[in-house]
N, C-alpha and C. Protein backbone atom coordinates (compact mmCIF):
# COMPACT_ATOMS: atom_id res chain seq x y z
N UNK A 1 0.85 -1.18 0.00
CA UNK A 1 0.00 0.00 0.00
C UNK A 1 0.89 1.23 0.00
N UNK A 2 0.55 2.22 -0.84
CA UNK A 2 1.37 3.41 -0.87
C UNK A 2 1.10 4.30 0.34
N UNK A 3 1.97 5.27 0.55
CA UNK A 3 1.88 6.12 1.74
C UNK A 3 0.57 6.89 1.81
N UNK A 4 0.07 7.37 0.65
CA UNK A 4 -1.18 8.12 0.63
C UNK A 4 -2.36 7.25 1.05
N UNK A 5 -2.41 6.02 0.57
CA UNK A 5 -3.49 5.10 0.94
C UNK A 5 -3.43 4.77 2.42
N UNK A 6 -2.22 4.59 2.93
CA UNK A 6 -2.05 4.28 4.35
C UNK A 6 -2.50 5.45 5.21
N UNK A 7 -2.17 6.66 4.80
CA UNK A 7 -2.58 7.85 5.54
C UNK A 7 -4.10 7.96 5.57
N UNK A 8 -4.76 7.59 4.49
CA UNK A 8 -6.22 7.61 4.44
C UNK A 8 -6.81 6.50 5.31
N UNK A 9 -6.14 5.36 5.41
CA UNK A 9 -6.64 4.22 6.18
C UNK A 9 -6.52 4.44 7.69
N UNK A 10 -5.51 5.15 8.14
CA UNK A 10 -5.28 5.29 9.58
C UNK A 10 -6.49 5.91 10.30
N UNK A 11 -7.06 7.04 9.83
CA UNK A 11 -8.24 7.57 10.52
C UNK A 11 -9.43 6.60 10.50
N UNK A 12 -9.60 5.87 9.38
CA UNK A 12 -10.67 4.86 9.31
C UNK A 12 -10.49 3.81 10.39
N UNK A 13 -9.25 3.36 10.58
CA UNK A 13 -9.00 2.30 11.54
C UNK A 13 -9.08 2.80 12.98
N UNK A 14 -8.74 4.06 13.20
CA UNK A 14 -8.92 4.63 14.54
C UNK A 14 -10.41 4.70 14.88
N UNK A 15 -11.21 5.13 13.91
CA UNK A 15 -12.67 5.16 14.12
C UNK A 15 -13.19 3.74 14.31
N UNK A 16 -12.69 2.82 13.52
CA UNK A 16 -13.10 1.41 13.63
C UNK A 16 -12.79 0.88 15.03
N UNK A 17 -11.62 1.19 15.52
CA UNK A 17 -11.22 0.77 16.87
C UNK A 17 -12.12 1.38 17.93
N UNK A 18 -12.55 2.60 17.69
CA UNK A 18 -13.43 3.27 18.67
C UNK A 18 -14.81 2.62 18.77
N UNK A 19 -15.17 1.80 17.78
CA UNK A 19 -16.46 1.12 17.86
C UNK A 19 -16.47 0.01 18.91
N UNK A 20 -15.32 -0.24 19.52
CA UNK A 20 -15.30 -1.17 20.66
C UNK A 20 -16.13 -0.61 21.81
N UNK A 21 -16.50 0.66 21.68
CA UNK A 21 -17.42 1.32 22.61
C UNK A 21 -18.70 0.50 22.80
N UNK A 22 -19.21 -0.09 21.72
CA UNK A 22 -20.44 -0.89 21.82
C UNK A 22 -20.22 -2.11 22.72
N UNK A 23 -19.11 -2.80 22.53
CA UNK A 23 -18.81 -3.97 23.35
C UNK A 23 -18.56 -3.57 24.80
N UNK A 24 -17.86 -2.46 24.99
CA UNK A 24 -17.59 -2.00 26.36
C UNK A 24 -18.86 -1.57 27.07
N UNK A 25 -19.78 -0.97 26.34
CA UNK A 25 -21.08 -0.63 26.94
C UNK A 25 -21.82 -1.89 27.39
N UNK A 26 -21.84 -2.90 26.52
CA UNK A 26 -22.48 -4.17 26.88
C UNK A 26 -21.83 -4.78 28.11
N UNK A 27 -20.52 -4.73 28.15
CA UNK A 27 -19.77 -5.30 29.28
C UNK A 27 -20.07 -4.56 30.58
N UNK A 28 -20.14 -3.24 30.52
CA UNK A 28 -20.33 -2.43 31.74
C UNK A 28 -21.78 -2.32 32.19
N UNK A 29 -22.71 -2.21 31.23
CA UNK A 29 -24.09 -1.89 31.60
C UNK A 29 -25.09 -3.00 31.31
N UNK A 30 -24.70 -3.99 30.57
CA UNK A 30 -25.61 -5.10 30.30
C UNK A 30 -26.50 -4.87 29.10
N UNK A 31 -26.99 -5.97 28.61
CA UNK A 31 -27.78 -5.99 27.38
C UNK A 31 -29.08 -5.20 27.49
N UNK A 32 -29.83 -5.38 28.56
CA UNK A 32 -31.13 -4.72 28.69
C UNK A 32 -31.00 -3.20 28.65
N UNK A 33 -29.96 -2.69 29.26
CA UNK A 33 -29.74 -1.25 29.25
C UNK A 33 -29.29 -0.76 27.87
N UNK A 34 -28.44 -1.52 27.21
CA UNK A 34 -27.78 -1.06 25.98
C UNK A 34 -28.62 -1.18 24.72
N UNK A 35 -29.44 -2.19 24.62
CA UNK A 35 -30.15 -2.46 23.37
C UNK A 35 -30.93 -1.24 22.86
N UNK A 36 -31.73 -0.56 23.68
CA UNK A 36 -32.45 0.61 23.13
C UNK A 36 -31.52 1.67 22.55
N UNK A 37 -30.40 1.92 23.21
CA UNK A 37 -29.44 2.90 22.72
C UNK A 37 -28.78 2.43 21.42
N UNK A 38 -28.42 1.14 21.39
CA UNK A 38 -27.81 0.59 20.18
C UNK A 38 -28.76 0.72 18.99
N UNK A 39 -30.01 0.36 19.20
CA UNK A 39 -30.99 0.43 18.12
C UNK A 39 -31.16 1.87 17.65
N UNK A 40 -31.26 2.81 18.57
CA UNK A 40 -31.42 4.22 18.22
C UNK A 40 -30.20 4.73 17.45
N UNK A 41 -29.01 4.49 17.98
CA UNK A 41 -27.78 4.97 17.34
C UNK A 41 -27.60 4.32 15.97
N UNK A 42 -27.75 3.02 15.92
CA UNK A 42 -27.46 2.29 14.69
C UNK A 42 -28.49 2.55 13.60
N UNK A 43 -29.77 2.55 13.95
CA UNK A 43 -30.77 2.82 12.92
C UNK A 43 -30.68 4.26 12.43
N UNK A 44 -30.34 5.19 13.32
CA UNK A 44 -30.14 6.58 12.90
C UNK A 44 -29.01 6.67 11.89
N UNK A 45 -27.94 5.97 12.15
CA UNK A 45 -26.80 6.02 11.25
C UNK A 45 -27.13 5.36 9.91
N UNK A 46 -27.80 4.23 9.96
CA UNK A 46 -28.17 3.54 8.72
C UNK A 46 -29.14 4.40 7.91
N UNK A 47 -30.10 5.04 8.57
CA UNK A 47 -31.05 5.92 7.90
C UNK A 47 -30.32 7.09 7.24
N UNK A 48 -29.39 7.69 7.97
CA UNK A 48 -28.59 8.78 7.41
C UNK A 48 -27.84 8.31 6.17
N UNK A 49 -27.27 7.12 6.24
CA UNK A 49 -26.51 6.59 5.11
C UNK A 49 -27.42 6.35 3.90
N UNK A 50 -28.63 5.86 4.14
CA UNK A 50 -29.59 5.68 3.04
C UNK A 50 -29.96 7.01 2.40
N UNK A 51 -30.25 8.00 3.24
CA UNK A 51 -30.63 9.32 2.72
C UNK A 51 -29.45 9.96 2.00
N UNK A 52 -28.24 9.79 2.52
CA UNK A 52 -27.03 10.34 1.89
C UNK A 52 -26.88 9.84 0.46
N UNK A 53 -27.26 8.59 0.23
CA UNK A 53 -27.13 8.02 -1.11
C UNK A 53 -28.12 8.64 -2.10
N UNK A 54 -29.27 9.11 -1.61
CA UNK A 54 -30.33 9.60 -2.48
C UNK A 54 -30.37 11.12 -2.59
N UNK A 55 -29.91 11.83 -1.57
CA UNK A 55 -30.03 13.28 -1.52
C UNK A 55 -28.68 13.93 -1.80
N UNK A 56 -28.61 14.66 -2.93
CA UNK A 56 -27.33 15.25 -3.35
C UNK A 56 -26.83 16.34 -2.40
N UNK A 57 -27.74 17.09 -1.80
CA UNK A 57 -27.30 18.13 -0.86
C UNK A 57 -26.66 17.50 0.37
N UNK A 58 -27.32 16.50 0.92
CA UNK A 58 -26.76 15.81 2.09
C UNK A 58 -25.45 15.11 1.72
N UNK A 59 -25.41 14.53 0.53
CA UNK A 59 -24.20 13.87 0.08
C UNK A 59 -23.04 14.87 -0.03
N UNK A 60 -23.34 16.06 -0.50
CA UNK A 60 -22.32 17.09 -0.62
C UNK A 60 -21.80 17.52 0.75
N UNK A 61 -22.70 17.68 1.72
CA UNK A 61 -22.29 18.02 3.08
C UNK A 61 -21.46 16.89 3.67
N UNK A 62 -21.93 15.67 3.50
CA UNK A 62 -21.19 14.50 3.99
C UNK A 62 -19.79 14.47 3.39
N UNK A 63 -19.71 14.65 2.08
CA UNK A 63 -18.41 14.59 1.40
C UNK A 63 -17.47 15.68 1.86
N UNK A 64 -17.99 16.84 2.20
CA UNK A 64 -17.11 17.92 2.66
C UNK A 64 -16.46 17.59 4.00
N UNK A 65 -17.09 16.73 4.80
CA UNK A 65 -16.53 16.35 6.10
C UNK A 65 -15.87 14.97 6.09
N UNK A 66 -16.43 14.04 5.34
CA UNK A 66 -16.02 12.63 5.48
C UNK A 66 -15.48 11.97 4.22
N UNK A 67 -15.32 12.72 3.15
CA UNK A 67 -14.85 12.11 1.91
C UNK A 67 -13.49 11.44 2.09
N UNK A 68 -12.64 12.02 2.94
CA UNK A 68 -11.31 11.45 3.16
C UNK A 68 -11.39 10.09 3.87
N UNK A 69 -12.53 9.79 4.49
CA UNK A 69 -12.70 8.50 5.16
C UNK A 69 -13.44 7.48 4.31
N UNK A 70 -14.10 7.96 3.28
CA UNK A 70 -14.99 7.11 2.49
C UNK A 70 -14.23 6.48 1.32
N UNK A 71 -14.37 5.18 1.21
CA UNK A 71 -13.77 4.47 0.06
C UNK A 71 -14.62 4.75 -1.17
N UNK A 72 -14.00 4.64 -2.33
CA UNK A 72 -14.72 4.88 -3.58
C UNK A 72 -15.93 3.97 -3.71
N UNK A 73 -15.80 2.74 -3.27
CA UNK A 73 -16.90 1.77 -3.38
C UNK A 73 -18.07 2.11 -2.46
N UNK A 74 -17.87 3.00 -1.51
CA UNK A 74 -18.93 3.37 -0.57
C UNK A 74 -19.68 4.63 -0.99
N UNK A 75 -19.25 5.25 -2.08
CA UNK A 75 -19.84 6.53 -2.48
C UNK A 75 -21.34 6.42 -2.71
N UNK A 76 -21.78 5.43 -3.44
CA UNK A 76 -23.21 5.25 -3.73
C UNK A 76 -23.78 4.00 -3.07
N UNK A 77 -23.10 3.50 -2.07
CA UNK A 77 -23.54 2.31 -1.33
C UNK A 77 -23.44 2.59 0.16
N UNK A 78 -23.82 1.60 0.94
CA UNK A 78 -23.61 1.71 2.38
C UNK A 78 -22.12 1.84 2.68
N UNK A 79 -21.82 2.59 3.71
CA UNK A 79 -20.44 2.64 4.19
C UNK A 79 -20.22 1.43 5.10
N UNK A 80 -18.96 1.15 5.38
CA UNK A 80 -18.63 0.07 6.31
C UNK A 80 -19.26 0.32 7.67
N UNK A 81 -19.43 1.59 8.03
CA UNK A 81 -20.03 1.93 9.32
C UNK A 81 -21.48 1.46 9.42
N UNK A 82 -22.21 1.52 8.32
CA UNK A 82 -23.60 1.03 8.35
C UNK A 82 -23.65 -0.47 8.56
N UNK A 83 -22.75 -1.19 7.90
CA UNK A 83 -22.69 -2.63 8.11
C UNK A 83 -22.28 -2.95 9.54
N UNK A 84 -21.38 -2.16 10.07
CA UNK A 84 -20.96 -2.33 11.45
C UNK A 84 -22.15 -2.14 12.39
N UNK A 85 -22.93 -1.09 12.15
CA UNK A 85 -24.11 -0.83 12.97
C UNK A 85 -25.12 -1.97 12.87
N UNK A 86 -25.31 -2.47 11.68
CA UNK A 86 -26.23 -3.60 11.49
C UNK A 86 -25.75 -4.82 12.28
N UNK A 87 -24.46 -5.07 12.27
CA UNK A 87 -23.94 -6.22 13.02
C UNK A 87 -24.06 -6.01 14.52
N UNK A 88 -23.91 -4.77 14.98
CA UNK A 88 -24.10 -4.48 16.42
C UNK A 88 -25.52 -4.86 16.84
N UNK A 89 -26.49 -4.46 16.05
CA UNK A 89 -27.89 -4.77 16.37
C UNK A 89 -28.14 -6.28 16.33
N UNK A 90 -27.68 -6.94 15.28
CA UNK A 90 -27.94 -8.38 15.12
C UNK A 90 -27.32 -9.17 16.26
N UNK A 91 -26.03 -8.98 16.53
CA UNK A 91 -25.40 -9.82 17.55
C UNK A 91 -25.87 -9.46 18.96
N UNK A 92 -26.21 -8.20 19.19
CA UNK A 92 -26.70 -7.80 20.52
C UNK A 92 -28.09 -8.37 20.79
N UNK A 93 -28.91 -8.45 19.76
CA UNK A 93 -30.27 -8.96 19.94
C UNK A 93 -30.35 -10.49 19.90
N UNK A 94 -29.51 -11.12 19.10
CA UNK A 94 -29.68 -12.55 18.81
C UNK A 94 -28.78 -13.48 19.62
N UNK A 95 -27.77 -12.94 20.27
CA UNK A 95 -26.81 -13.82 20.94
C UNK A 95 -26.64 -13.43 22.41
N UNK A 96 -26.15 -14.38 23.17
CA UNK A 96 -25.83 -14.18 24.57
C UNK A 96 -24.90 -12.96 24.72
N UNK A 97 -25.03 -12.28 25.84
CA UNK A 97 -24.27 -11.06 26.09
C UNK A 97 -22.76 -11.25 25.95
N UNK A 98 -22.23 -12.32 26.54
CA UNK A 98 -20.79 -12.57 26.47
C UNK A 98 -20.35 -12.81 25.03
N UNK A 99 -21.12 -13.56 24.29
CA UNK A 99 -20.81 -13.83 22.89
C UNK A 99 -20.86 -12.55 22.08
N UNK A 100 -21.86 -11.72 22.32
CA UNK A 100 -21.98 -10.44 21.60
C UNK A 100 -20.78 -9.55 21.89
N UNK A 101 -20.37 -9.48 23.15
CA UNK A 101 -19.22 -8.66 23.53
C UNK A 101 -17.97 -9.12 22.80
N UNK A 102 -17.71 -10.41 22.85
CA UNK A 102 -16.51 -10.96 22.20
C UNK A 102 -16.56 -10.73 20.69
N UNK A 103 -17.69 -10.98 20.08
CA UNK A 103 -17.82 -10.82 18.63
C UNK A 103 -17.62 -9.37 18.20
N UNK A 104 -18.17 -8.44 18.96
CA UNK A 104 -18.00 -7.03 18.64
C UNK A 104 -16.57 -6.57 18.86
N UNK A 105 -15.91 -7.11 19.88
CA UNK A 105 -14.50 -6.77 20.09
C UNK A 105 -13.62 -7.32 18.98
N UNK A 106 -13.90 -8.53 18.54
CA UNK A 106 -13.13 -9.10 17.43
C UNK A 106 -13.26 -8.21 16.19
N UNK A 107 -14.49 -7.79 15.91
CA UNK A 107 -14.71 -6.92 14.76
C UNK A 107 -14.00 -5.58 14.92
N UNK A 108 -14.12 -4.97 16.08
CA UNK A 108 -13.62 -3.60 16.23
C UNK A 108 -12.14 -3.50 16.55
N UNK A 109 -11.52 -4.57 17.03
CA UNK A 109 -10.10 -4.52 17.40
C UNK A 109 -9.24 -5.33 16.40
N UNK A 110 -9.66 -6.54 16.09
CA UNK A 110 -8.85 -7.40 15.21
C UNK A 110 -8.72 -6.82 13.81
N UNK A 111 -9.80 -6.31 13.28
CA UNK A 111 -9.80 -5.80 11.91
C UNK A 111 -8.84 -4.61 11.72
N UNK A 112 -8.86 -3.59 12.59
CA UNK A 112 -7.90 -2.49 12.40
C UNK A 112 -6.45 -2.94 12.52
N UNK A 113 -6.17 -3.83 13.46
CA UNK A 113 -4.79 -4.32 13.59
C UNK A 113 -4.38 -5.08 12.34
N UNK A 114 -5.28 -5.91 11.83
CA UNK A 114 -4.97 -6.67 10.61
C UNK A 114 -4.70 -5.73 9.43
N UNK A 115 -5.54 -4.74 9.28
CA UNK A 115 -5.39 -3.82 8.15
C UNK A 115 -4.10 -3.02 8.24
N UNK A 116 -3.82 -2.49 9.40
CA UNK A 116 -2.62 -1.67 9.53
C UNK A 116 -1.33 -2.49 9.45
N UNK A 117 -1.30 -3.63 10.13
CA UNK A 117 -0.10 -4.48 10.05
C UNK A 117 0.07 -5.06 8.64
N UNK A 118 -1.04 -5.46 8.04
CA UNK A 118 -0.97 -5.96 6.67
C UNK A 118 -0.52 -4.90 5.69
N UNK A 119 -0.98 -3.66 5.89
CA UNK A 119 -0.58 -2.56 5.01
C UNK A 119 0.89 -2.21 5.16
N UNK A 120 1.36 -2.24 6.38
CA UNK A 120 2.75 -1.84 6.64
C UNK A 120 3.76 -2.95 6.37
N UNK A 121 3.39 -4.17 6.69
CA UNK A 121 4.37 -5.27 6.63
C UNK A 121 3.98 -6.40 5.69
N UNK A 122 2.82 -6.29 5.06
CA UNK A 122 2.33 -7.39 4.24
C UNK A 122 3.02 -7.51 2.89
N UNK A 123 3.61 -8.65 2.66
CA UNK A 123 4.26 -8.93 1.37
C UNK A 123 3.53 -10.02 0.59
N UNK A 124 2.83 -10.89 1.28
CA UNK A 124 2.18 -12.03 0.64
C UNK A 124 0.68 -11.75 0.48
N UNK A 125 0.26 -11.50 -0.75
CA UNK A 125 -1.12 -11.14 -1.04
C UNK A 125 -2.02 -12.38 -1.07
N UNK A 126 -3.20 -12.23 -0.44
CA UNK A 126 -4.24 -13.25 -0.43
C UNK A 126 -5.58 -12.55 -0.62
N UNK A 127 -6.24 -12.76 -1.75
CA UNK A 127 -7.58 -12.21 -1.98
C UNK A 127 -7.69 -10.73 -1.60
N UNK A 128 -6.87 -9.89 -2.09
CA UNK A 128 -6.84 -8.44 -1.84
C UNK A 128 -6.46 -8.10 -0.40
N UNK A 129 -6.00 -9.05 0.35
CA UNK A 129 -5.54 -8.84 1.72
C UNK A 129 -4.13 -9.41 1.80
N UNK A 130 -3.57 -9.49 2.99
CA UNK A 130 -2.22 -10.04 3.12
C UNK A 130 -2.21 -11.16 4.15
N UNK A 131 -1.27 -12.07 3.98
CA UNK A 131 -1.08 -13.15 4.94
C UNK A 131 -0.72 -12.57 6.31
N UNK A 132 0.13 -11.55 6.32
CA UNK A 132 0.55 -10.94 7.59
C UNK A 132 -0.64 -10.30 8.31
N UNK A 133 -1.52 -9.64 7.56
CA UNK A 133 -2.72 -9.06 8.15
C UNK A 133 -3.65 -10.13 8.70
N UNK A 134 -3.78 -11.22 7.97
CA UNK A 134 -4.63 -12.33 8.42
C UNK A 134 -4.07 -12.96 9.69
N UNK A 135 -2.77 -13.11 9.77
CA UNK A 135 -2.14 -13.64 10.98
C UNK A 135 -2.36 -12.69 12.15
N UNK A 136 -2.24 -11.39 11.91
CA UNK A 136 -2.49 -10.40 12.97
C UNK A 136 -3.94 -10.49 13.45
N UNK A 137 -4.87 -10.64 12.50
CA UNK A 137 -6.29 -10.79 12.86
C UNK A 137 -6.48 -12.01 13.76
N UNK A 138 -5.88 -13.12 13.37
CA UNK A 138 -5.99 -14.36 14.13
C UNK A 138 -5.43 -14.18 15.55
N UNK A 139 -4.25 -13.60 15.68
CA UNK A 139 -3.61 -13.44 16.99
C UNK A 139 -4.42 -12.52 17.90
N UNK A 140 -4.86 -11.39 17.37
CA UNK A 140 -5.64 -10.45 18.19
C UNK A 140 -6.97 -11.08 18.60
N UNK A 141 -7.60 -11.81 17.70
CA UNK A 141 -8.85 -12.50 18.03
C UNK A 141 -8.63 -13.52 19.16
N UNK A 142 -7.52 -14.25 19.09
CA UNK A 142 -7.19 -15.21 20.15
C UNK A 142 -7.01 -14.49 21.49
N UNK A 143 -6.30 -13.38 21.48
CA UNK A 143 -6.07 -12.63 22.72
C UNK A 143 -7.37 -12.13 23.34
N UNK A 144 -8.28 -11.67 22.49
CA UNK A 144 -9.58 -11.20 22.99
C UNK A 144 -10.33 -12.35 23.67
N UNK A 145 -10.38 -13.50 23.03
CA UNK A 145 -11.13 -14.64 23.58
C UNK A 145 -10.44 -15.20 24.82
N UNK A 146 -9.11 -15.12 24.88
CA UNK A 146 -8.39 -15.59 26.08
C UNK A 146 -8.82 -14.77 27.31
N UNK A 147 -9.04 -13.49 27.13
CA UNK A 147 -9.48 -12.63 28.24
C UNK A 147 -10.81 -13.11 28.81
N UNK A 148 -11.65 -13.67 27.95
CA UNK A 148 -12.98 -14.12 28.37
C UNK A 148 -13.02 -15.60 28.73
N UNK A 149 -11.86 -16.22 28.92
CA UNK A 149 -11.73 -17.58 29.45
C UNK A 149 -12.41 -18.67 28.62
N UNK A 150 -12.33 -18.57 27.33
CA UNK A 150 -12.79 -19.68 26.50
C UNK A 150 -11.68 -20.73 26.48
N UNK A 151 -12.05 -21.97 26.18
CA UNK A 151 -11.04 -23.03 26.10
C UNK A 151 -10.14 -22.77 24.89
N UNK A 152 -8.94 -23.31 24.94
CA UNK A 152 -7.99 -23.08 23.85
C UNK A 152 -8.49 -23.62 22.52
N UNK A 153 -9.18 -24.74 22.57
CA UNK A 153 -9.69 -25.30 21.31
C UNK A 153 -10.76 -24.38 20.70
N UNK A 154 -11.62 -23.81 21.55
CA UNK A 154 -12.64 -22.87 21.07
C UNK A 154 -11.96 -21.62 20.53
N UNK A 155 -10.98 -21.11 21.25
CA UNK A 155 -10.28 -19.89 20.84
C UNK A 155 -9.65 -20.06 19.46
N UNK A 156 -8.91 -21.13 19.28
CA UNK A 156 -8.22 -21.35 18.01
C UNK A 156 -9.22 -21.56 16.88
N UNK A 157 -10.25 -22.35 17.13
CA UNK A 157 -11.25 -22.64 16.09
C UNK A 157 -12.00 -21.39 15.68
N UNK A 158 -12.49 -20.63 16.65
CA UNK A 158 -13.26 -19.42 16.34
C UNK A 158 -12.36 -18.38 15.66
N UNK A 159 -11.15 -18.20 16.16
CA UNK A 159 -10.22 -17.25 15.54
C UNK A 159 -9.92 -17.64 14.10
N UNK A 160 -9.81 -18.94 13.85
CA UNK A 160 -9.57 -19.42 12.49
C UNK A 160 -10.77 -19.13 11.59
N UNK A 161 -11.98 -19.44 12.06
CA UNK A 161 -13.19 -19.14 11.29
C UNK A 161 -13.29 -17.65 10.99
N UNK A 162 -13.05 -16.82 12.00
CA UNK A 162 -13.15 -15.37 11.82
C UNK A 162 -12.10 -14.85 10.85
N UNK A 163 -10.90 -15.38 10.96
CA UNK A 163 -9.82 -14.95 10.07
C UNK A 163 -10.12 -15.30 8.62
N UNK A 164 -10.65 -16.49 8.41
CA UNK A 164 -11.02 -16.90 7.05
C UNK A 164 -12.19 -16.06 6.54
N UNK A 165 -13.16 -15.79 7.39
CA UNK A 165 -14.31 -14.95 7.00
C UNK A 165 -13.83 -13.55 6.61
N UNK A 166 -12.93 -12.99 7.39
CA UNK A 166 -12.40 -11.66 7.09
C UNK A 166 -11.60 -11.68 5.80
N UNK A 167 -10.81 -12.71 5.61
CA UNK A 167 -9.98 -12.84 4.43
C UNK A 167 -10.83 -12.96 3.16
N UNK A 168 -11.92 -13.70 3.23
CA UNK A 168 -12.75 -13.97 2.05
C UNK A 168 -13.92 -13.02 1.88
N UNK A 169 -14.10 -12.07 2.79
CA UNK A 169 -15.28 -11.20 2.75
C UNK A 169 -15.42 -10.46 1.42
N UNK A 170 -14.34 -9.92 0.90
CA UNK A 170 -14.41 -9.23 -0.40
C UNK A 170 -14.76 -10.19 -1.52
N UNK A 171 -14.20 -11.37 -1.47
CA UNK A 171 -14.41 -12.36 -2.53
C UNK A 171 -15.87 -12.81 -2.59
N UNK A 172 -16.50 -12.97 -1.42
CA UNK A 172 -17.90 -13.41 -1.40
C UNK A 172 -18.88 -12.23 -1.42
N UNK A 173 -18.36 -11.00 -1.34
CA UNK A 173 -19.21 -9.82 -1.48
C UNK A 173 -20.01 -9.44 -0.25
N UNK A 174 -19.53 -9.81 0.93
CA UNK A 174 -20.20 -9.42 2.18
C UNK A 174 -19.21 -8.59 2.99
N UNK A 175 -19.63 -7.43 3.43
CA UNK A 175 -18.75 -6.55 4.19
C UNK A 175 -18.27 -7.27 5.46
N UNK A 176 -16.98 -7.18 5.74
CA UNK A 176 -16.43 -7.87 6.90
C UNK A 176 -16.97 -7.34 8.22
N UNK A 177 -17.43 -6.09 8.25
CA UNK A 177 -18.03 -5.54 9.47
C UNK A 177 -19.34 -6.22 9.83
N UNK A 178 -19.97 -6.81 8.85
CA UNK A 178 -21.19 -7.58 9.08
C UNK A 178 -20.87 -9.07 9.23
N UNK A 179 -20.01 -9.57 8.38
CA UNK A 179 -19.72 -11.00 8.34
C UNK A 179 -18.99 -11.51 9.58
N UNK A 180 -17.94 -10.82 9.99
CA UNK A 180 -17.10 -11.31 11.08
C UNK A 180 -17.85 -11.46 12.40
N UNK A 181 -18.62 -10.45 12.85
CA UNK A 181 -19.34 -10.65 14.12
C UNK A 181 -20.37 -11.77 14.08
N UNK A 182 -21.01 -11.94 12.93
CA UNK A 182 -22.01 -13.01 12.82
C UNK A 182 -21.32 -14.37 12.80
N UNK A 183 -20.24 -14.49 12.06
CA UNK A 183 -19.50 -15.75 12.02
C UNK A 183 -18.96 -16.09 13.41
N UNK A 184 -18.36 -15.09 14.08
CA UNK A 184 -17.80 -15.38 15.41
C UNK A 184 -18.89 -15.73 16.41
N UNK A 185 -20.02 -15.05 16.35
CA UNK A 185 -21.13 -15.36 17.27
C UNK A 185 -21.66 -16.77 17.03
N UNK A 186 -21.88 -17.11 15.77
CA UNK A 186 -22.38 -18.46 15.44
C UNK A 186 -21.38 -19.52 15.85
N UNK A 187 -20.12 -19.29 15.57
CA UNK A 187 -19.10 -20.27 15.93
C UNK A 187 -19.01 -20.45 17.44
N UNK A 188 -19.11 -19.37 18.19
CA UNK A 188 -19.07 -19.47 19.67
C UNK A 188 -20.29 -20.22 20.20
N UNK A 189 -21.44 -20.03 19.58
CA UNK A 189 -22.65 -20.74 20.01
C UNK A 189 -22.49 -22.23 19.77
N UNK A 190 -22.00 -22.61 18.59
CA UNK A 190 -21.92 -24.01 18.24
C UNK A 190 -20.78 -24.74 18.93
N UNK A 191 -19.75 -24.00 19.37
CA UNK A 191 -18.64 -24.66 20.04
C UNK A 191 -18.81 -24.59 21.54
């Protein structure tokens, strides 16, 4: 990745990392308290993103503030943030609190580390990503699950599933902000 692309990615990944706020809220305040706020915040953001795509004035205002964060593929589509919000709602509503917390942390922490390490040190390309980034994703995911006292076999298996899901997300056409939390939640339920 060239220096200009990396400079554009760093603010995106800092914002992505800040979305661990959702998992931390669940951890501190519990599901019953958080769900109404999550639904309000996330649906508001998704609604804004839908309107931004249709309304040129709003799109122009958005672009004047956030164009440097927006990928070209997101210009007339949902941004990664909308998919992230959708995954917050799905995993918070459909899965156990602990599983939702872990899945949201994997999405918000593992992905930025993978992207930045892969961008800086990645030499081996895999499906528009790098082997080094995928390894970073796997390691960070393992560390997150270790904190929550899952067995080693569960940790390795779930981290592997999540890493593969993140690696193949572009190839299968599903945003990783949506795919990874759902894959990790399902894998944790079944294991």
